[in-house]
Amino acid sequence: MRFILLIFFMHMAFNQIAFGQTGIQQADLIRLAEARRLADEVGSTVWPGWDRTAFPVLLVTAEQELLVDYPRIPPGFTAAGYSAVLRTEILGRSRQFDPGLLATFPAFGLPPVIVIGQPGATNKTSTEWVLTVLHEHFHQYQMSDPEYFSMVDQLGLSGGDQTGMWMLNYPFPYQSAEVASDFANVSRQLAALLKGSSPADRQRFWKTYADFLATLTDPDRRYMSFQIWQEGIARYVELGVAEAAAEGYEPSLEFKTLPDVKPLSDIADKMRKAILKELANPDLQAHRRVSFYAFGAGLALLLDQDSEAWKSRYLTEKFFVERYADGD
């Protein structure tokens, strides 16, 4: 054990020397390496084909931004050093994004980049931070599909906004008492079915859900379905990664040595309970679009009760998760 720890601290010293002038910390390198390793080991078991997705990350620190695994050097970036932990060169520039940002978008063109602050700035433990990176990595999978951006445009929801902020600011009728009440009814039904259901129960639920969607205007229905497809399924995948890792994944020694690391089994259990709690106690008026994260995850879990074959339709039949329930 003493020999292993000696090697570990020598490894730390090397990287602190290599990156002492860039603002990147050894713990950042370890967390990024753990996210990549976790994706490699459990990613394809959670979602077939996900493992072939490019995985560039822009880490936002207080003063700088460090770019990892991007296929070219974007304007304004320069070489910041080599990381033995990540086995790659890192690019750097002065900070431009908010240190608390958690997002994925084509910041420098394709492929899309995960833009994420450090755990302290994003209010996450190291374990939660790594799982959040995997959530964002699934957004890279979504956006890397050749038809993704054109089909998003075809939804006709941007109102001319070219920044993508419409995805956050779309005027969905969250404050409508009728919409909130109807959504709450469907959400509670979903929560109950996730504790156990029959094929007939699920068939009735999908009919109830279709009836609810029919009460919305066409644009509102498209927006809700899009958010469920994009954010809800990403939440489901994040849960799937946590649960798959809890069953047999062994974190690296370096990662386990970080002071705020939590057992993956605890995080997975907490995450599933949080989703079920949100579904059983919905508040669309207060939580707004974030309500669709747990709801979409719940729909995916319900689909799994029949078969996981629906995943093969995810990219070919975009944005309307309810269509996967037909079993064709």
Protein backbone atom coordinates (compact mmCIF):
# COMPACT_ATOMS: atom_id res chain seq x y z
CA MET A 1 0.00 0.00 0.00
CA ARG A 2 2.87 2.39 0.84
CA PHE A 3 4.37 1.74 -2.59
CA ILE A 4 1.03 2.45 -4.30
CA LEU A 5 0.60 5.70 -2.37
CA LEU A 6 4.17 6.73 -3.22
CA ILE A 7 3.47 6.22 -6.93
CA PHE A 8 0.21 8.17 -6.55
CA PHE A 9 1.87 11.19 -4.93
CA MET A 10 4.71 11.13 -7.47
CA HIS A 11 2.03 11.17 -10.16
CA MET A 12 0.42 14.18 -8.48
CA ALA A 13 3.72 16.01 -8.28
CA PHE A 14 4.41 15.50 -11.99
CA ASN A 15 1.08 16.97 -13.01
CA GLN A 16 1.30 19.87 -10.58
CA ILE A 17 4.63 20.80 -12.17
CA ALA A 18 3.23 20.39 -15.68
CA PHE A 19 0.17 22.52 -14.99
CA GLY A 20 1.33 24.86 -12.27
CA GLN A 21 1.08 27.87 -14.57
CA THR A 22 -2.26 27.07 -16.19
CA GLY A 23 -4.71 27.15 -13.27
CA ILE A 24 -5.76 23.53 -13.69
CA GLN A 25 -5.58 21.44 -10.53
CA GLN A 26 -4.61 17.81 -10.10
CA ALA A 27 -8.11 17.01 -8.82
CA ASP A 28 -9.61 18.41 -12.04
CA LEU A 29 -7.46 16.07 -14.11
CA ILE A 30 -8.45 13.11 -11.94
CA ARG A 31 -12.17 13.89 -12.23
CA LEU A 32 -11.98 14.30 -16.00
CA ALA A 33 -10.07 11.04 -16.32
CA GLU A 34 -12.65 9.27 -14.15
CA ALA A 35 -15.52 10.54 -16.30
CA ARG A 36 -13.82 9.23 -19.44
CA ARG A 37 -13.03 5.89 -17.78
CA LEU A 38 -16.60 5.51 -16.50
CA ALA A 39 -17.98 6.23 -19.97
CA ASP A 40 -15.65 3.63 -21.48
CA GLU A 41 -16.56 0.93 -18.97
CA VAL A 42 -20.34 1.28 -18.61
CA GLY A 43 -21.49 3.65 -21.35
CA SER A 44 -22.35 1.06 -24.00
CA THR A 45 -24.22 -1.11 -21.47
CA VAL A 46 -26.44 1.85 -20.58
CA TRP A 47 -26.97 3.02 -24.17
CA PRO A 48 -25.80 1.04 -27.23
CA GLY A 49 -23.60 3.10 -29.55
CA TRP A 50 -22.98 5.90 -27.08
CA ASP A 51 -19.35 4.86 -26.70
CA ARG A 52 -18.55 6.07 -30.22
CA THR A 53 -19.37 9.70 -29.36
CA ALA A 54 -16.62 12.32 -29.28
CA PHE A 55 -15.98 13.60 -25.75
CA PRO A 56 -14.38 17.10 -25.78
CA VAL A 57 -14.66 19.07 -22.54
CA LEU A 58 -14.04 22.74 -21.78
CA LEU A 59 -13.29 23.09 -18.08
CA VAL A 60 -14.04 26.60 -16.81
CA THR A 61 -11.91 27.71 -13.85
CA ALA A 62 -11.89 31.05 -12.07
CA GLU A 63 -9.37 32.54 -14.48
CA GLN A 64 -8.94 30.17 -17.40
CA GLU A 65 -10.66 27.66 -19.65
CA LEU A 66 -8.95 24.36 -20.44
CA LEU A 67 -10.00 22.43 -23.54
CA VAL A 68 -9.54 18.66 -23.65
CA ASP A 69 -9.93 16.25 -26.61
CA TYR A 70 -11.04 18.77 -29.21
CA PRO A 71 -9.93 17.76 -32.74
CA ARG A 72 -8.44 21.14 -33.66
CA ILE A 73 -7.18 24.34 -32.03
CA PRO A 74 -9.97 26.96 -31.94
CA PRO A 75 -9.01 30.63 -32.35
CA GLY A 76 -7.74 32.15 -29.13
CA PHE A 77 -6.46 28.89 -27.63
CA THR A 78 -2.83 27.94 -27.10
CA ALA A 79 -1.08 24.84 -25.80
CA ALA A 80 -1.29 24.70 -21.99
CA GLY A 81 0.71 21.53 -21.39
CA TYR A 82 0.56 17.78 -21.46
CA SER A 83 -1.43 15.74 -18.91
CA ALA A 84 -0.09 12.30 -18.09
CA VAL A 85 -3.38 11.58 -16.31
CA LEU A 86 -5.46 12.29 -19.42
CA ARG A 87 -2.70 11.28 -21.84
CA THR A 88 -3.30 14.28 -24.02
CA GLU A 89 -2.28 17.86 -24.64
CA ILE A 90 -4.56 20.51 -23.11
CA LEU A 91 -5.40 23.83 -24.73
CA GLY A 92 -6.07 26.99 -22.75
CA ARG A 93 -7.35 30.54 -22.96
CA SER A 94 -8.51 33.26 -20.56
CA ARG A 95 -11.93 32.62 -19.03
CA GLN A 96 -14.95 33.73 -21.07
CA PHE A 97 -17.78 31.54 -19.72
CA ASP A 98 -19.41 31.58 -16.30
CA PRO A 99 -17.54 29.27 -13.87
CA GLY A 100 -20.87 27.79 -12.76
CA LEU A 101 -21.94 26.77 -16.27
CA LEU A 102 -23.20 23.25 -17.02
CA ALA A 103 -24.01 22.97 -20.72
CA THR A 104 -23.25 21.25 -24.01
CA PHE A 105 -23.26 23.09 -27.33
CA PRO A 106 -21.11 23.60 -30.47
CA ALA A 107 -19.04 26.36 -28.88
CA PHE A 108 -16.38 26.08 -31.61
CA GLY A 109 -18.43 24.29 -34.24
CA LEU A 110 -18.88 20.54 -34.31
CA PRO A 111 -18.33 18.35 -32.40
CA PRO A 112 -20.31 19.88 -29.51
CA VAL A 113 -18.35 20.59 -26.33
CA ILE A 114 -19.24 20.05 -22.68
CA VAL A 115 -18.70 23.41 -20.97
CA ILE A 116 -18.52 22.89 -17.23
CA GLY A 117 -17.20 24.62 -14.13
CA GLN A 118 -15.35 22.98 -11.28
CA PRO A 119 -17.30 21.15 -8.54
CA GLY A 120 -17.10 24.03 -6.09
CA ALA A 121 -18.57 26.47 -8.60
CA THR A 122 -21.33 24.04 -9.63
CA ASN A 123 -22.24 22.95 -6.07
CA LYS A 124 -21.44 19.29 -6.65
CA THR A 125 -19.29 16.65 -5.02
CA SER A 126 -16.67 15.01 -7.20
CA THR A 127 -18.92 11.95 -7.69
CA GLU A 128 -21.93 14.06 -8.65
CA TRP A 129 -19.73 16.16 -10.95
CA VAL A 130 -18.50 13.09 -12.84
CA LEU A 131 -22.07 11.84 -13.32
CA THR A 132 -23.11 15.30 -14.53
CA VAL A 133 -20.33 15.15 -17.12
CA LEU A 134 -21.83 11.86 -18.31
CA HIS A 135 -25.28 13.51 -18.49
CA GLU A 136 -23.73 16.20 -20.69
CA HIS A 137 -21.86 13.57 -22.69
CA PHE A 138 -25.22 12.09 -23.64
CA HIS A 139 -26.18 15.51 -25.01
CA GLN A 140 -23.08 15.18 -27.20
CA TYR A 141 -24.51 11.88 -28.45
CA GLN A 142 -27.80 13.60 -29.27
CA MET A 143 -26.20 16.57 -31.00
CA SER A 144 -23.71 14.48 -32.94
CA ASP A 145 -26.49 12.90 -34.97
CA PRO A 146 -26.26 14.42 -38.47
CA GLU A 147 -29.95 15.38 -38.52
CA TYR A 148 -30.18 16.79 -35.00
CA PHE A 149 -29.83 20.52 -35.71
CA SER A 150 -31.95 20.55 -38.86
CA MET A 151 -34.73 18.65 -37.12
CA VAL A 152 -34.60 20.98 -34.11
CA ASP A 153 -35.06 23.87 -36.55
CA GLN A 154 -38.04 22.06 -38.07
CA LEU A 155 -39.80 22.15 -34.70
CA GLY A 156 -40.38 25.83 -35.42
CA LEU A 157 -39.96 26.92 -31.81
CA SER A 158 -37.00 29.32 -31.88
CA GLY A 159 -38.91 32.46 -32.86
CA GLY A 160 -35.86 33.60 -34.78
CA ASP A 161 -33.47 33.11 -31.87
CA GLN A 162 -30.15 31.81 -33.19
CA THR A 163 -28.45 31.49 -29.78
CA GLY A 164 -30.38 28.43 -28.57
CA MET A 165 -31.69 30.33 -25.55
CA TRP A 166 -35.24 29.60 -26.70
CA MET A 167 -34.74 26.09 -25.32
CA LEU A 168 -34.66 27.68 -21.87
CA ASN A 169 -36.98 30.63 -22.39
CA TYR A 170 -39.80 29.24 -24.52
CA PRO A 171 -43.12 30.58 -23.12
CA PHE A 172 -44.67 27.25 -22.14
CA PRO A 173 -47.87 27.75 -20.08
CA TYR A 174 -46.27 26.72 -16.78
CA GLN A 175 -48.49 29.09 -14.79
CA SER A 176 -51.75 27.80 -16.25
CA ALA A 177 -53.63 26.19 -13.36
CA GLU A 178 -55.34 23.79 -15.77
CA VAL A 179 -52.12 22.68 -17.47
CA ALA A 180 -50.31 22.32 -14.14
CA SER A 181 -53.18 20.28 -12.68
CA ASP A 182 -53.42 17.97 -15.70
CA PHE A 183 -49.64 17.50 -15.75
CA ALA A 184 -49.65 16.69 -12.04
CA ASN A 185 -52.31 14.03 -12.58
CA VAL A 186 -50.30 12.33 -15.32
CA SER A 187 -47.07 12.62 -13.35
CA ARG A 188 -48.56 10.96 -10.26
CA GLN A 189 -49.93 8.14 -12.37
CA LEU A 190 -46.46 7.62 -13.82
CA ALA A 191 -44.90 7.53 -10.35
CA ALA A 192 -47.35 4.83 -9.27
CA LEU A 193 -46.71 2.69 -12.34
CA LEU A 194 -42.93 2.75 -11.79
CA LYS A 195 -43.49 0.79 -8.59
CA GLY A 196 -44.97 -2.01 -10.70
CA SER A 197 -47.48 -2.25 -13.52
CA SER A 198 -49.12 -4.60 -15.97
CA PRO A 199 -49.16 -4.20 -19.76
CA ALA A 200 -52.78 -3.08 -19.49
CA ASP A 201 -51.83 -0.45 -16.89
CA ARG A 202 -49.16 0.91 -19.18
CA GLN A 203 -51.47 0.97 -22.17
CA ARG A 204 -54.01 3.01 -20.19
CA PHE A 205 -51.30 5.40 -19.05
CA TRP A 206 -50.06 6.10 -22.57
CA LYS A 207 -53.63 6.86 -23.61
CA THR A 208 -54.00 9.26 -20.66
CA TYR A 209 -50.72 10.92 -21.56
CA ALA A 210 -51.79 11.29 -25.21
CA ASP A 211 -55.03 12.90 -24.04
CA PHE A 212 -53.04 15.38 -21.95
CA LEU A 213 -50.77 16.27 -24.87
CA ALA A 214 -53.84 16.84 -27.03
CA THR A 215 -54.95 19.63 -24.66
CA LEU A 216 -51.80 21.64 -25.46
CA THR A 217 -51.31 23.87 -28.46
CA ASP A 218 -49.18 22.36 -31.23
CA PRO A 219 -46.09 24.45 -30.39
CA ASP A 220 -46.41 23.76 -26.65
CA ARG A 221 -46.75 20.05 -27.30
CA ARG A 222 -43.66 20.07 -29.53
CA TYR A 223 -41.69 21.98 -26.91
CA MET A 224 -42.62 19.66 -24.05
CA SER A 225 -41.92 16.58 -26.14
CA PHE A 226 -38.55 18.00 -27.21
CA GLN A 227 -37.52 18.76 -23.62
CA ILE A 228 -38.56 15.28 -22.51
CA TRP A 229 -36.64 13.69 -25.39
CA GLN A 230 -33.52 15.75 -24.76
CA GLU A 231 -33.31 16.45 -21.03
CA GLY A 232 -35.53 13.72 -19.65
CA ILE A 233 -33.71 10.92 -21.44
CA ALA A 234 -30.35 12.43 -20.45
CA ARG A 235 -31.49 12.28 -16.80
CA TYR A 236 -32.50 8.65 -17.33
CA VAL A 237 -29.07 7.87 -18.81
CA GLU A 238 -27.34 9.62 -15.90
CA LEU A 239 -29.32 7.40 -13.52
CA GLY A 240 -28.46 4.35 -15.62
CA VAL A 241 -24.75 5.15 -15.45
CA ALA A 242 -24.89 5.57 -11.67
CA GLU A 243 -26.76 2.30 -11.20
CA ALA A 244 -24.57 0.33 -13.62
CA ALA A 245 -21.44 1.68 -11.95
CA ALA A 246 -22.80 0.83 -8.50
CA GLU A 247 -23.09 -2.81 -9.52
CA GLY A 248 -19.45 -3.47 -10.33
CA TYR A 249 -17.43 -0.45 -11.43
CA GLU A 250 -14.33 0.21 -9.34
CA PRO A 251 -13.25 3.88 -9.27
CA SER A 252 -9.56 4.60 -9.70
CA LEU A 253 -7.35 4.93 -6.64
CA GLU A 254 -6.69 8.56 -7.50
CA PHE A 255 -10.40 9.34 -7.66
CA LYS A 256 -11.21 7.50 -4.42
CA THR A 257 -8.54 9.58 -2.67
CA LEU A 258 -10.40 12.86 -3.35
CA PRO A 259 -11.93 14.07 -0.07
CA ASP A 260 -15.53 14.55 -1.27
CA VAL A 261 -16.04 11.27 -3.15
CA LYS A 262 -19.26 9.42 -2.28
CA PRO A 263 -20.13 5.75 -2.94
CA LEU A 264 -21.77 5.36 -6.33
CA SER A 265 -24.42 3.10 -4.79
CA ASP A 266 -25.47 5.93 -2.47
CA ILE A 267 -25.63 8.44 -5.32
CA ALA A 268 -27.60 6.05 -7.54
CA ASP A 269 -30.11 5.35 -4.77
CA LYS A 270 -30.47 9.05 -4.03
CA MET A 271 -30.96 9.86 -7.71
CA ARG A 272 -33.69 7.26 -8.27
CA LYS A 273 -35.53 8.35 -5.11
CA ALA A 274 -35.34 11.98 -6.23
CA ILE A 275 -36.88 11.16 -9.61
CA LEU A 276 -39.72 9.20 -8.01
CA LYS A 277 -40.29 11.97 -5.47
CA GLU A 278 -40.48 14.62 -8.19
CA LEU A 279 -42.95 12.51 -10.14
CA ALA A 280 -45.16 11.93 -7.10
CA ASN A 281 -45.01 15.58 -6.02
CA PRO A 282 -44.99 17.59 -9.25
CA ASP A 283 -45.05 21.39 -9.25
CA LEU A 284 -44.96 22.63 -12.82
CA GLN A 285 -45.60 26.23 -11.81
CA ALA A 286 -42.56 26.32 -9.52
CA HIS A 287 -40.11 24.04 -11.31
CA ARG A 288 -41.08 24.94 -14.88
CA ARG A 289 -39.03 23.14 -17.58
CA VAL A 290 -36.98 21.25 -14.97
CA SER A 291 -40.18 19.27 -14.32
CA PHE A 292 -39.64 17.58 -17.67
CA TYR A 293 -36.31 16.06 -16.57
CA ALA A 294 -37.81 13.68 -14.02
CA PHE A 295 -40.92 13.15 -16.12
CA GLY A 296 -38.89 12.14 -19.17
CA ALA A 297 -36.71 9.86 -17.06
CA GLY A 298 -39.88 8.27 -15.70
CA LEU A 299 -41.27 7.71 -19.19
CA ALA A 300 -38.03 5.96 -20.18
CA LEU A 301 -38.17 3.75 -17.08
CA LEU A 302 -41.75 2.86 -17.97
CA LEU A 303 -40.75 1.96 -21.51
CA ASP A 304 -38.08 -0.33 -20.05
CA GLN A 305 -40.79 -2.36 -18.29
CA ASP A 306 -41.76 -3.68 -21.72
CA SER A 307 -38.40 -3.70 -23.49
CA GLU A 308 -35.30 -1.57 -24.00
CA ALA A 309 -35.72 -1.97 -27.76
CA TRP A 310 -37.20 1.54 -27.89
CA LYS A 311 -33.64 2.90 -27.69
CA SER A 312 -33.02 1.81 -31.27
CA ARG A 313 -35.69 4.32 -32.39
CA TYR A 314 -34.35 7.23 -30.37
CA LEU A 315 -32.34 8.95 -33.11
CA THR A 316 -34.45 7.84 -36.07
CA GLU A 317 -37.78 9.00 -34.55
CA LYS A 318 -36.76 12.13 -32.70
CA PHE A 319 -38.49 14.24 -30.08
CA PHE A 320 -41.66 12.23 -29.32
CA VAL A 321 -40.94 9.61 -26.69
CA GLU A 322 -44.58 8.58 -26.45
CA ARG A 323 -44.32 7.06 -29.95
CA TYR A 324 -41.89 4.43 -28.68
CA ALA A 325 -44.66 2.89 -26.58
CA ASP A 326 -46.36 1.31 -29.60
CA GLY A 327 -43.79 -1.51 -29.63
CA ASP A 328 -43.36 -1.55 -33.41
